[in-house]
Amino acid sequence: MPIQLAFKNEKLRQICESPISAKRKLGPVAGGSLHVRLADLRAADSPADLTDLGVAIYDPGSETRIVIPVDGGYRLLAEANHREAPGGPGALDWRQVTRVKIVDIEAVK
């Protein structure tokens, strides 16, 4: 079952769903790379697949967030988006995550 994506706000949804908007906002390199990474995320069985492949990392500051590097100097922040965390409170099992919310696209400092 592919991962279901949600978005923190309409602005993020527009950038993530429209390659043209992404390229206008982030530039041609990052805009194109963003859509490749989102396709990778949608195609994965879980976000853990992306971390296993080295395409994403778990955010060391948050148990429920992953960081996906995007070419062109950006990174995509996403978090598990389940009402109750798979694996129980305090023990998120990323292999069972099937719903992800895109919370930010930020420039890498």
PDB file of N, CA and C in Angstrom:
ATOM      1  N   MET A   1       0.840  -1.174   0.000  1.00  0.00           N
ATOM      2  CA  MET A   1       0.000   0.000   0.000  1.00  0.00           C
ATOM      3  C   MET A   1       0.889   1.242   0.000  1.00  0.00           C
ATOM      4  N   PRO A   2       0.703   2.153  -0.945  1.00  0.00           N
ATOM      5  CA  PRO A   2       1.553   3.347  -0.988  1.00  0.00           C
ATOM      6  C   PRO A   2       1.297   4.263   0.205  1.00  0.00           C
ATOM      7  N   ILE A   3       2.286   5.054   0.510  1.00  0.00           N
ATOM      8  CA  ILE A   3       2.178   6.004   1.609  1.00  0.00           C
ATOM      9  C   ILE A   3       1.227   7.125   1.215  1.00  0.00           C
ATOM     10  N   GLN A   4       0.349   7.485   2.136  1.00  0.00           N
ATOM     11  CA  GLN A   4      -0.578   8.593   1.924  1.00  0.00           C
ATOM     12  C   GLN A   4       0.066   9.867   2.452  1.00  0.00           C
ATOM     13  N   LEU A   5       0.039  10.908   1.640  1.00  0.00           N
ATOM     14  CA  LEU A   5       0.640  12.178   2.025  1.00  0.00           C
ATOM     15  C   LEU A   5      -0.425  13.195   2.418  1.00  0.00           C
ATOM     16  N   ALA A   6      -0.101  13.960   3.441  1.00  0.00           N
ATOM     17  CA  ALA A   6      -0.890  15.117   3.847  1.00  0.00           C
ATOM     18  C   ALA A   6       0.088  16.289   3.924  1.00  0.00           C
ATOM     19  N   PHE A   7      -0.439  17.485   4.048  1.00  0.00           N
ATOM     20  CA  PHE A   7       0.406  18.673   4.035  1.00  0.00           C
ATOM     21  C   PHE A   7       0.010  19.604   5.166  1.00  0.00           C
ATOM     22  N   LYS A   8       0.996  20.275   5.728  1.00  0.00           N
ATOM     23  CA  LYS A   8       0.769  21.191   6.847  1.00  0.00           C
ATOM     24  C   LYS A   8      -0.152  22.336   6.439  1.00  0.00           C
ATOM     25  N   ASN A   9      -0.004  22.801   5.191  1.00  0.00           N
ATOM     26  CA  ASN A   9      -0.839  23.911   4.726  1.00  0.00           C
ATOM     27  C   ASN A   9      -0.970  23.870   3.202  1.00  0.00           C
ATOM     28  N   GLU A  10      -1.801  24.742   2.697  1.00  0.00           N
ATOM     29  CA  GLU A  10      -2.083  24.782   1.258  1.00  0.00           C
ATOM     30  C   GLU A  10      -0.856  25.181   0.438  1.00  0.00           C
ATOM     31  N   LYS A  11      -0.026  26.059   0.976  1.00  0.00           N
ATOM     32  CA  LYS A  11       1.184  26.492   0.271  1.00  0.00           C
ATOM     33  C   LYS A  11       2.115  25.298   0.024  1.00  0.00           C
ATOM     34  N   LEU A  12       2.325  24.481   1.041  1.00  0.00           N
ATOM     35  CA  LEU A  12       3.162  23.282   0.873  1.00  0.00           C
ATOM     36  C   LEU A  12       2.528  22.308  -0.109  1.00  0.00           C
ATOM     37  N   ARG A  13       1.220  22.142  -0.026  1.00  0.00           N
ATOM     38  CA  ARG A  13       0.518  21.250  -0.960  1.00  0.00           C
ATOM     39  C   ARG A  13       0.759  21.696  -2.397  1.00  0.00           C
ATOM     40  N   GLN A  14       0.638  22.989  -2.657  1.00  0.00           N
ATOM     41  CA  GLN A  14       0.823  23.527  -4.010  1.00  0.00           C
ATOM     42  C   GLN A  14       2.231  23.247  -4.519  1.00  0.00           C
ATOM     43  N   ILE A  15       3.237  23.510  -3.689  1.00  0.00           N
ATOM     44  CA  ILE A  15       4.621  23.277  -4.095  1.00  0.00           C
ATOM     45  C   ILE A  15       4.866  21.794  -4.357  1.00  0.00           C
ATOM     46  N   CYS A  16       4.322  20.942  -3.502  1.00  0.00           N
ATOM     47  CA  CYS A  16       4.571  19.503  -3.618  1.00  0.00           C
ATOM     48  C   CYS A  16       3.776  18.839  -4.734  1.00  0.00           C
ATOM     49  N   GLU A  17       2.642  19.411  -5.088  1.00  0.00           N
ATOM     50  CA  GLU A  17       1.812  18.782  -6.120  1.00  0.00           C
ATOM     51  C   GLU A  17       2.023  19.366  -7.506  1.00  0.00           C
ATOM     52  N   SER A  18       2.639  20.534  -7.587  1.00  0.00           N
ATOM     53  CA  SER A  18       2.840  21.177  -8.881  1.00  0.00           C
ATOM     54  C   SER A  18       4.331  21.350  -9.173  1.00  0.00           C
ATOM     55  N   PRO A  19       4.864  20.602 -10.157  1.00  0.00           N
ATOM     56  CA  PRO A  19       6.268  20.781 -10.513  1.00  0.00           C
ATOM     57  C   PRO A  19       6.597  22.223 -10.923  1.00  0.00           C
ATOM     58  N   ILE A  20       5.670  22.888 -11.555  1.00  0.00           N
ATOM     59  CA  ILE A  20       5.906  24.268 -11.975  1.00  0.00           C
ATOM     60  C   ILE A  20       6.039  25.176 -10.751  1.00  0.00           C
ATOM     61  N   SER A  21       5.141  25.017  -9.777  1.00  0.00           N
ATOM     62  CA  SER A  21       5.222  25.818  -8.544  1.00  0.00           C
ATOM     63  C   SER A  21       6.512  25.528  -7.793  1.00  0.00           C
ATOM     64  N   ALA A  22       6.905  24.261  -7.746  1.00  0.00           N
ATOM     65  CA  ALA A  22       8.137  23.888  -7.046  1.00  0.00           C
ATOM     66  C   ALA A  22       9.354  24.535  -7.702  1.00  0.00           C
ATOM     67  N   LYS A  23       9.403  24.513  -9.025  1.00  0.00           N
ATOM     68  CA  LYS A  23      10.550  25.111  -9.721  1.00  0.00           C
ATOM     69  C   LYS A  23      10.569  26.626  -9.575  1.00  0.00           C
ATOM     70  N   ARG A  24       9.404  27.256  -9.558  1.00  0.00           N
ATOM     71  CA  ARG A  24       9.344  28.706  -9.356  1.00  0.00           C
ATOM     72  C   ARG A  24       9.797  29.090  -7.950  1.00  0.00           C
ATOM     73  N   LYS A  25       9.369  28.325  -6.960  1.00  0.00           N
ATOM     74  CA  LYS A  25       9.664  28.650  -5.564  1.00  0.00           C
ATOM     75  C   LYS A  25      11.081  28.248  -5.153  1.00  0.00           C
ATOM     76  N   LEU A  26      11.542  27.061  -5.606  1.00  0.00           N
ATOM     77  CA  LEU A  26      12.809  26.500  -5.137  1.00  0.00           C
ATOM     78  C   LEU A  26      13.929  26.545  -6.167  1.00  0.00           C
ATOM     79  N   GLY A  27      13.595  26.810  -7.416  1.00  0.00           N
ATOM     80  CA  GLY A  27      14.579  26.762  -8.486  1.00  0.00           C
ATOM     81  C   GLY A  27      14.471  25.452  -9.241  1.00  0.00           C
ATOM     82  N   PRO A  28      15.059  25.379 -10.444  1.00  0.00           N
ATOM     83  CA  PRO A  28      14.886  24.196 -11.279  1.00  0.00           C
ATOM     84  C   PRO A  28      15.500  22.922 -10.695  1.00  0.00           C
ATOM     85  N   VAL A  29      16.642  23.029 -10.057  1.00  0.00           N
ATOM     86  CA  VAL A  29      17.295  21.830  -9.507  1.00  0.00           C
ATOM     87  C   VAL A  29      16.500  21.288  -8.325  1.00  0.00           C
ATOM     88  N   ALA A  30      16.236  22.136  -7.351  1.00  0.00           N
ATOM     89  CA  ALA A  30      15.518  21.697  -6.154  1.00  0.00           C
ATOM     90  C   ALA A  30      14.073  21.315  -6.473  1.00  0.00           C
ATOM     91  N   GLY A  31      13.423  22.063  -7.350  1.00  0.00           N
ATOM     92  CA  GLY A  31      12.041  21.754  -7.720  1.00  0.00           C
ATOM     93  C   GLY A  31      11.918  20.375  -8.344  1.00  0.00           C
ATOM     94  N   GLY A  32      12.826  20.057  -9.256  1.00  0.00           N
ATOM     95  CA  GLY A  32      12.811  18.731  -9.874  1.00  0.00           C
ATOM     96  C   GLY A  32      13.152  17.636  -8.886  1.00  0.00           C
ATOM     97  N   SER A  33      14.154  17.886  -8.058  1.00  0.00           N
ATOM     98  CA  SER A  33      14.574  16.903  -7.063  1.00  0.00           C
ATOM     99  C   SER A  33      13.472  16.646  -6.039  1.00  0.00           C
ATOM    100  N   LEU A  34      12.750  17.696  -5.645  1.00  0.00           N
ATOM    101  CA  LEU A  34      11.657  17.543  -4.691  1.00  0.00           C
ATOM    102  C   LEU A  34      10.634  16.539  -5.197  1.00  0.00           C
ATOM    103  N   HIS A  35      10.274  16.650  -6.451  1.00  0.00           N
ATOM    104  CA  HIS A  35       9.255  15.752  -6.996  1.00  0.00           C
ATOM    105  C   HIS A  35       9.756  14.325  -7.146  1.00  0.00           C
ATOM    106  N   VAL A  36      11.037  14.156  -7.378  1.00  0.00           N
ATOM    107  CA  VAL A  36      11.615  12.808  -7.395  1.00  0.00           C
ATOM    108  C   VAL A  36      11.546  12.204  -5.994  1.00  0.00           C
ATOM    109  N   ARG A  37      11.904  12.977  -4.979  1.00  0.00           N
ATOM    110  CA  ARG A  37      11.870  12.484  -3.589  1.00  0.00           C
ATOM    111  C   ARG A  37      10.446  12.177  -3.139  1.00  0.00           C
ATOM    112  N   LEU A  38       9.485  13.008  -3.531  1.00  0.00           N
ATOM    113  CA  LEU A  38       8.092  12.733  -3.181  1.00  0.00           C
ATOM    114  C   LEU A  38       7.596  11.456  -3.862  1.00  0.00           C
ATOM    115  N   ALA A  39       8.023  11.233  -5.099  1.00  0.00           N
ATOM    116  CA  ALA A  39       7.663   9.995  -5.791  1.00  0.00           C
ATOM    117  C   ALA A  39       8.277   8.797  -5.081  1.00  0.00           C
ATOM    118  N   ASP A  40       9.524   8.931  -4.625  1.00  0.00           N
ATOM    119  CA  ASP A  40      10.163   7.863  -3.855  1.00  0.00           C
ATOM    120  C   ASP A  40       9.357   7.570  -2.588  1.00  0.00           C
ATOM    121  N   LEU A  41       8.932   8.623  -1.909  1.00  0.00           N
ATOM    122  CA  LEU A  41       8.176   8.463  -0.672  1.00  0.00           C
ATOM    123  C   LEU A  41       6.831   7.790  -0.933  1.00  0.00           C
ATOM    124  N   ARG A  42       6.139   8.230  -1.959  1.00  0.00           N
ATOM    125  CA  ARG A  42       4.834   7.628  -2.283  1.00  0.00           C
ATOM    126  C   ARG A  42       4.970   6.157  -2.677  1.00  0.00           C
ATOM    127  N   ALA A  43       6.064   5.802  -3.320  1.00  0.00           N
ATOM    128  CA  ALA A  43       6.255   4.432  -3.798  1.00  0.00           C
ATOM    129  C   ALA A  43       6.736   3.469  -2.715  1.00  0.00           C
ATOM    130  N   ALA A  44       7.254   4.006  -1.633  1.00  0.00           N
ATOM    131  CA  ALA A  44       7.806   3.159  -0.575  1.00  0.00           C
ATOM    132  C   ALA A  44       6.686   2.491   0.219  1.00  0.00           C
ATOM    133  N   ASP A  45       7.009   1.360   0.803  1.00  0.00           N
ATOM    134  CA  ASP A  45       6.060   0.694   1.698  1.00  0.00           C
ATOM    135  C   ASP A  45       5.983   1.427   3.028  1.00  0.00           C
ATOM    136  N   SER A  46       7.083   2.047   3.417  1.00  0.00           N
ATOM    137  CA  SER A  46       7.130   2.826   4.652  1.00  0.00           C
ATOM    138  C   SER A  46       8.303   3.795   4.548  1.00  0.00           C
ATOM    139  N   PRO A  47       8.313   4.849   5.372  1.00  0.00           N
ATOM    140  CA  PRO A  47       9.460   5.751   5.369  1.00  0.00           C
ATOM    141  C   PRO A  47      10.766   5.047   5.748  1.00  0.00           C
ATOM    142  N   ALA A  48      10.672   3.962   6.467  1.00  0.00           N
ATOM    143  CA  ALA A  48      11.871   3.203   6.841  1.00  0.00           C
ATOM    144  C   ALA A  48      12.607   2.708   5.596  1.00  0.00           C
ATOM    145  N   ASP A  49      11.884   2.437   4.518  1.00  0.00           N
ATOM    146  CA  ASP A  49      12.529   2.020   3.264  1.00  0.00           C
ATOM    147  C   ASP A  49      13.482   3.100   2.762  1.00  0.00           C
ATOM    148  N   LEU A  50      13.069   4.371   2.878  1.00  0.00           N
ATOM    149  CA  LEU A  50      13.922   5.463   2.411  1.00  0.00           C
ATOM    150  C   LEU A  50      15.161   5.615   3.285  1.00  0.00           C
ATOM    151  N   THR A  51      15.018   5.417   4.577  1.00  0.00           N
ATOM    152  CA  THR A  51      16.192   5.504   5.451  1.00  0.00           C
ATOM    153  C   THR A  51      17.131   4.329   5.192  1.00  0.00           C
ATOM    154  N   ASP A  52      16.574   3.160   4.919  1.00  0.00           N
ATOM    155  CA  ASP A  52      17.406   1.988   4.605  1.00  0.00           C
ATOM    156  C   ASP A  52      18.230   2.215   3.339  1.00  0.00           C
ATOM    157  N   LEU A  53      17.651   2.935   2.375  1.00  0.00           N
ATOM    158  CA  LEU A  53      18.333   3.211   1.105  1.00  0.00           C
ATOM    159  C   LEU A  53      19.267   4.425   1.189  1.00  0.00           C
ATOM    160  N   GLY A  54      19.229   5.133   2.305  1.00  0.00           N
ATOM    161  CA  GLY A  54      20.069   6.315   2.460  1.00  0.00           C
ATOM    162  C   GLY A  54      19.491   7.566   1.833  1.00  0.00           C
ATOM    163  N   VAL A  55      18.224   7.531   1.466  1.00  0.00           N
ATOM    164  CA  VAL A  55      17.557   8.670   0.840  1.00  0.00           C
ATOM    165  C   VAL A  55      17.008   9.626   1.898  1.00  0.00           C
ATOM    166  N   ALA A  56      16.818   9.143   3.119  1.00  0.00           N
ATOM    167  CA  ALA A  56      16.282   9.952   4.219  1.00  0.00           C
ATOM    168  C   ALA A  56      16.980   9.542   5.512  1.00  0.00           C
ATOM    169  N   ILE A  57      16.852  10.409   6.506  1.00  0.00           N
ATOM    170  CA  ILE A  57      17.371  10.079   7.838  1.00  0.00           C
ATOM    171  C   ILE A  57      16.288  10.387   8.865  1.00  0.00           C
ATOM    172  N   TYR A  58      16.357   9.702   9.995  1.00  0.00           N
ATOM    173  CA  TYR A  58      15.459  10.038  11.090  1.00  0.00           C
ATOM    174  C   TYR A  58      15.956  11.328  11.719  1.00  0.00           C
ATOM    175  N   ASP A  59      15.049  12.232  12.032  1.00  0.00           N
ATOM    176  CA  ASP A  59      15.416  13.499  12.650  1.00  0.00           C
ATOM    177  C   ASP A  59      15.872  13.231  14.083  1.00  0.00           C
ATOM    178  N   PRO A  60      17.129  13.554  14.406  1.00  0.00           N
ATOM    179  CA  PRO A  60      17.613  13.281  15.758  1.00  0.00           C
ATOM    180  C   PRO A  60      16.886  14.087  16.837  1.00  0.00           C
ATOM    181  N   GLY A  61      16.214  15.168  16.451  1.00  0.00           N
ATOM    182  CA  GLY A  61      15.505  16.001  17.408  1.00  0.00           C
ATOM    183  C   GLY A  61      14.046  15.633  17.608  1.00  0.00           C
ATOM    184  N   SER A  62      13.549  14.647  16.831  1.00  0.00           N
ATOM    185  CA  SER A  62      12.136  14.277  16.924  1.00  0.00           C
ATOM    186  C   SER A  62      11.949  12.808  16.562  1.00  0.00           C
ATOM    187  N   GLU A  63      11.296  12.084  17.420  1.00  0.00           N
ATOM    188  CA  GLU A  63      11.052  10.659  17.173  1.00  0.00           C
ATOM    189  C   GLU A  63      10.060  10.423  16.035  1.00  0.00           C
ATOM    190  N   THR A  64       9.239  11.417  15.735  1.00  0.00           N
ATOM    191  CA  THR A  64       8.191  11.226  14.741  1.00  0.00           C
ATOM    192  C   THR A  64       8.469  11.918  13.415  1.00  0.00           C
ATOM    193  N   ARG A  65       9.708  12.338  13.173  1.00  0.00           N
ATOM    194  CA  ARG A  65      10.018  13.105  11.964  1.00  0.00           C
ATOM    195  C   ARG A  65      11.190  12.492  11.201  1.00  0.00           C
ATOM    196  N   ILE A  66      11.099  12.580   9.873  1.00  0.00           N
ATOM    197  CA  ILE A  66      12.218  12.206   9.017  1.00  0.00           C
ATOM    198  C   ILE A  66      12.639  13.433   8.206  1.00  0.00           C
ATOM    199  N   VAL A  67      13.881  13.404   7.757  1.00  0.00           N
ATOM    200  CA  VAL A  67      14.452  14.479   6.948  1.00  0.00           C
ATOM    201  C   VAL A  67      14.870  13.865   5.620  1.00  0.00           C
ATOM    202  N   ILE A  68      14.407  14.465   4.534  1.00  0.00           N
ATOM    203  CA  ILE A  68      14.724  13.964   3.194  1.00  0.00           C
ATOM    204  C   ILE A  68      15.495  15.060   2.459  1.00  0.00           C
ATOM    205  N   PRO A  69      16.790  14.864   2.222  1.00  0.00           N
ATOM    206  CA  PRO A  69      17.568  15.864   1.489  1.00  0.00           C
ATOM    207  C   PRO A  69      17.049  16.024   0.058  1.00  0.00           C
ATOM    208  N   VAL A  70      17.045  17.266  -0.406  1.00  0.00           N
ATOM    209  CA  VAL A  70      16.622  17.603  -1.761  1.00  0.00           C
ATOM    210  C   VAL A  70      17.789  18.336  -2.412  1.00  0.00           C
ATOM    211  N   ASP A  71      18.143  17.945  -3.629  1.00  0.00           N
ATOM    212  CA  ASP A  71      19.221  18.629  -4.341  1.00  0.00           C
ATOM    213  C   ASP A  71      18.923  20.126  -4.419  1.00  0.00           C
ATOM    214  N   GLY A  72      19.977  20.915  -4.537  1.00  0.00           N
ATOM    215  CA  GLY A  72      19.801  22.354  -4.667  1.00  0.00           C
ATOM    216  C   GLY A  72      19.792  23.090  -3.337  1.00  0.00           C
ATOM    217  N   GLY A  73      20.163  22.393  -2.249  1.00  0.00           N
ATOM    218  CA  GLY A  73      20.302  23.068  -0.972  1.00  0.00           C
ATOM    219  C   GLY A  73      19.064  23.114  -0.098  1.00  0.00           C
ATOM    220  N   TYR A  74      18.162  22.170  -0.249  1.00  0.00           N
ATOM    221  CA  TYR A  74      16.949  22.126   0.557  1.00  0.00           C
ATOM    222  C   TYR A  74      16.794  20.768   1.216  1.00  0.00           C
ATOM    223  N   ARG A  75      15.868  20.719   2.170  1.00  0.00           N
ATOM    224  CA  ARG A  75      15.489  19.444   2.766  1.00  0.00           C
ATOM    225  C   ARG A  75      13.997  19.473   3.072  1.00  0.00           C
ATOM    226  N   LEU A  76      13.402  18.312   2.964  1.00  0.00           N
ATOM    227  CA  LEU A  76      11.984  18.121   3.189  1.00  0.00           C
ATOM    228  C   LEU A  76      11.817  17.501   4.567  1.00  0.00           C
ATOM    229  N   LEU A  77      10.955  18.090   5.398  1.00  0.00           N
ATOM    230  CA  LEU A  77      10.678  17.550   6.720  1.00  0.00           C
ATOM    231  C   LEU A  77       9.293  16.924   6.698  1.00  0.00           C
ATOM    232  N   ALA A  78       9.210  15.688   7.147  1.00  0.00           N
ATOM    233  CA  ALA A  78       7.942  14.967   7.165  1.00  0.00           C
ATOM    234  C   ALA A  78       7.807  14.231   8.486  1.00  0.00           C
ATOM    235  N   GLU A  79       6.562  14.064   8.921  1.00  0.00           N
ATOM    236  CA  GLU A  79       6.342  13.363  10.178  1.00  0.00           C
ATOM    237  C   GLU A  79       5.247  12.325  10.018  1.00  0.00           C
ATOM    238  N   ALA A  80       5.298  11.339  10.890  1.00  0.00           N
ATOM    239  CA  ALA A  80       4.251  10.324  10.906  1.00  0.00           C
ATOM    240  C   ALA A  80       2.927  11.015  11.174  1.00  0.00           C
ATOM    241  N   ASN A  81       1.878  10.586  10.485  1.00  0.00           N
ATOM    242  CA  ASN A  81       0.597  11.275  10.560  1.00  0.00           C
ATOM    243  C   ASN A  81      -0.530  10.298  10.904  1.00  0.00           C
ATOM    244  N   HIS A  82      -0.327   9.553  11.967  1.00  0.00           N
ATOM    245  CA  HIS A  82      -1.344   8.617  12.437  1.00  0.00           C
ATOM    246  C   HIS A  82      -1.962   9.157  13.715  1.00  0.00           C
ATOM    247  N   ARG A  83      -3.224   8.860  13.902  1.00  0.00           N
ATOM    248  CA  ARG A  83      -3.895   9.283  15.136  1.00  0.00           C
ATOM    249  C   ARG A  83      -3.185   8.677  16.340  1.00  0.00           C
ATOM    250  N   GLU A  84      -2.898   7.407  16.269  1.00  0.00           N
ATOM    251  CA  GLU A  84      -2.111   6.718  17.291  1.00  0.00           C
ATOM    252  C   GLU A  84      -0.873   6.171  16.617  1.00  0.00           C
ATOM    253  N   ALA A  85       0.272   6.464  17.180  1.00  0.00           N
ATOM    254  CA  ALA A  85       1.539   6.064  16.577  1.00  0.00           C
ATOM    255  C   ALA A  85       1.648   4.548  16.476  1.00  0.00           C
ATOM    256  N   PRO A  86       1.957   4.020  15.280  1.00  0.00           N
ATOM    257  CA  PRO A  86       2.181   2.579  15.159  1.00  0.00           C
ATOM    258  C   PRO A  86       3.328   2.151  16.067  1.00  0.00           C
ATOM    259  N   GLY A  87       3.086   1.139  16.848  1.00  0.00           N
ATOM    260  CA  GLY A  87       4.098   0.670  17.783  1.00  0.00           C
ATOM    261  C   GLY A  87       3.832   1.139  19.196  1.00  0.00           C
ATOM    262  N   GLY A  88       2.895   2.061  19.376  1.00  0.00           N
ATOM    263  CA  GLY A  88       2.538   2.517  20.709  1.00  0.00           C
ATOM    264  C   GLY A  88       3.228   3.810  21.099  1.00  0.00           C
ATOM    265  N   PRO A  89       2.769   4.414  22.192  1.00  0.00           N
ATOM    266  CA  PRO A  89       3.342   5.677  22.652  1.00  0.00           C
ATOM    267  C   PRO A  89       4.832   5.546  22.978  1.00  0.00           C
ATOM    268  N   GLY A  90       5.621   6.483  22.455  1.00  0.00           N
ATOM    269  CA  GLY A  90       7.049   6.492  22.753  1.00  0.00           C
ATOM    270  C   GLY A  90       7.862   5.443  22.015  1.00  0.00           C
ATOM    271  N   ALA A  91       7.236   4.693  21.131  1.00  0.00           N
ATOM    272  CA  ALA A  91       7.957   3.639  20.426  1.00  0.00           C
ATOM    273  C   ALA A  91       7.479   3.545  18.978  1.00  0.00           C
ATOM    274  N   LEU A  92       7.563   4.639  18.243  1.00  0.00           N
ATOM    275  CA  LEU A  92       7.087   4.671  16.862  1.00  0.00           C
ATOM    276  C   LEU A  92       7.808   3.621  16.020  1.00  0.00           C
ATOM    277  N   ASP A  93       7.035   2.791  15.354  1.00  0.00           N
ATOM    278  CA  ASP A  93       7.582   1.777  14.456  1.00  0.00           C
ATOM    279  C   ASP A  93       7.451   2.311  13.028  1.00  0.00           C
ATOM    280  N   TRP A  94       8.539   2.863  12.491  1.00  0.00           N
ATOM    281  CA  TRP A  94       8.521   3.476  11.164  1.00  0.00           C
ATOM    282  C   TRP A  94       8.144   2.487  10.071  1.00  0.00           C
ATOM    283  N   ARG A  95       8.338   1.201  10.274  1.00  0.00           N
ATOM    284  CA  ARG A  95       7.967   0.197   9.267  1.00  0.00           C
ATOM    285  C   ARG A  95       6.450   0.081   9.112  1.00  0.00           C
ATOM    286  N   GLN A  96       5.705   0.526  10.112  1.00  0.00           N
ATOM    287  CA  GLN A  96       4.249   0.455  10.062  1.00  0.00           C
ATOM    288  C   GLN A  96       3.601   1.787   9.669  1.00  0.00           C
ATOM    289  N   VAL A  97       4.401   2.811   9.472  1.00  0.00           N
ATOM    290  CA  VAL A  97       3.866   4.127   9.106  1.00  0.00           C
ATOM    291  C   VAL A  97       3.426   4.117   7.647  1.00  0.00           C
ATOM    292  N   THR A  98       2.167   4.471   7.421  1.00  0.00           N
ATOM    293  CA  THR A  98       1.624   4.532   6.057  1.00  0.00           C
ATOM    294  C   THR A  98       1.042   5.907   5.737  1.00  0.00           C
ATOM    295  N   ARG A  99       1.046   6.794   6.728  1.00  0.00           N
ATOM    296  CA  ARG A  99       0.526   8.154   6.553  1.00  0.00           C
ATOM    297  C   ARG A  99       1.599   9.134   7.002  1.00  0.00           C
ATOM    298  N   VAL A 100       1.940  10.074   6.130  1.00  0.00           N
ATOM    299  CA  VAL A 100       3.009  11.028   6.401  1.00  0.00           C
ATOM    300  C   VAL A 100       2.506  12.430   6.098  1.00  0.00           C
ATOM    301  N   LYS A 101       2.863  13.381   6.971  1.00  0.00           N
ATOM    302  CA  LYS A 101       2.515  14.785   6.729  1.00  0.00           C
ATOM    303  C   LYS A 101       3.793  15.558   6.399  1.00  0.00           C
ATOM    304  N   ILE A 102       3.775  16.252   5.275  1.00  0.00           N
ATOM    305  CA  ILE A 102       4.872  17.140   4.900  1.00  0.00           C
ATOM    306  C   ILE A 102       4.694  18.414   5.715  1.00  0.00           C
ATOM    307  N   VAL A 103       5.698  18.729   6.547  1.00  0.00           N
ATOM    308  CA  VAL A 103       5.547  19.882   7.447  1.00  0.00           C
ATOM    309  C   VAL A 103       6.397  21.081   7.039  1.00  0.00           C
ATOM    310  N   ASP A 104       7.443  20.862   6.227  1.00  0.00           N
ATOM    311  CA  ASP A 104       8.265  22.011   5.831  1.00  0.00           C
ATOM    312  C   ASP A 104       9.219  21.627   4.719  1.00  0.00           C
ATOM    313  N   ILE A 105       9.604  22.618   3.948  1.00  0.00           N
ATOM    314  CA  ILE A 105      10.704  22.522   2.996  1.00  0.00           C
ATOM    315  C   ILE A 105      11.607  23.687   3.369  1.00  0.00           C
ATOM    316  N   GLU A 106      12.810  23.378   3.809  1.00  0.00           N
ATOM    317  CA  GLU A 106      13.690  24.445   4.294  1.00  0.00           C
ATOM    318  C   GLU A 106      15.046  24.391   3.629  1.00  0.00           C
ATOM    319  N   ALA A 107      15.664  25.549   3.529  1.00  0.00           N
ATOM    320  CA  ALA A 107      17.012  25.639   2.989  1.00  0.00           C
ATOM    321  C   ALA A 107      17.975  25.054   4.007  1.00  0.00           C
ATOM    322  N   VAL A 108      18.963  24.323   3.509  1.00  0.00           N
ATOM    323  CA  VAL A 108      19.990  23.761   4.365  1.00  0.00           C
ATOM    324  C   VAL A 108      20.979  24.859   4.689  1.00  0.00           C
ATOM    325  N   LYS A 109      21.307  24.987   5.940  1.00  0.00           N
ATOM    326  CA  LYS A 109      22.217  26.055   6.376  1.00  0.00           C
ATOM    327  C   LYS A 109      23.622  25.555   6.445  1.00  0.00           C
TER     328      LYS A 109
END
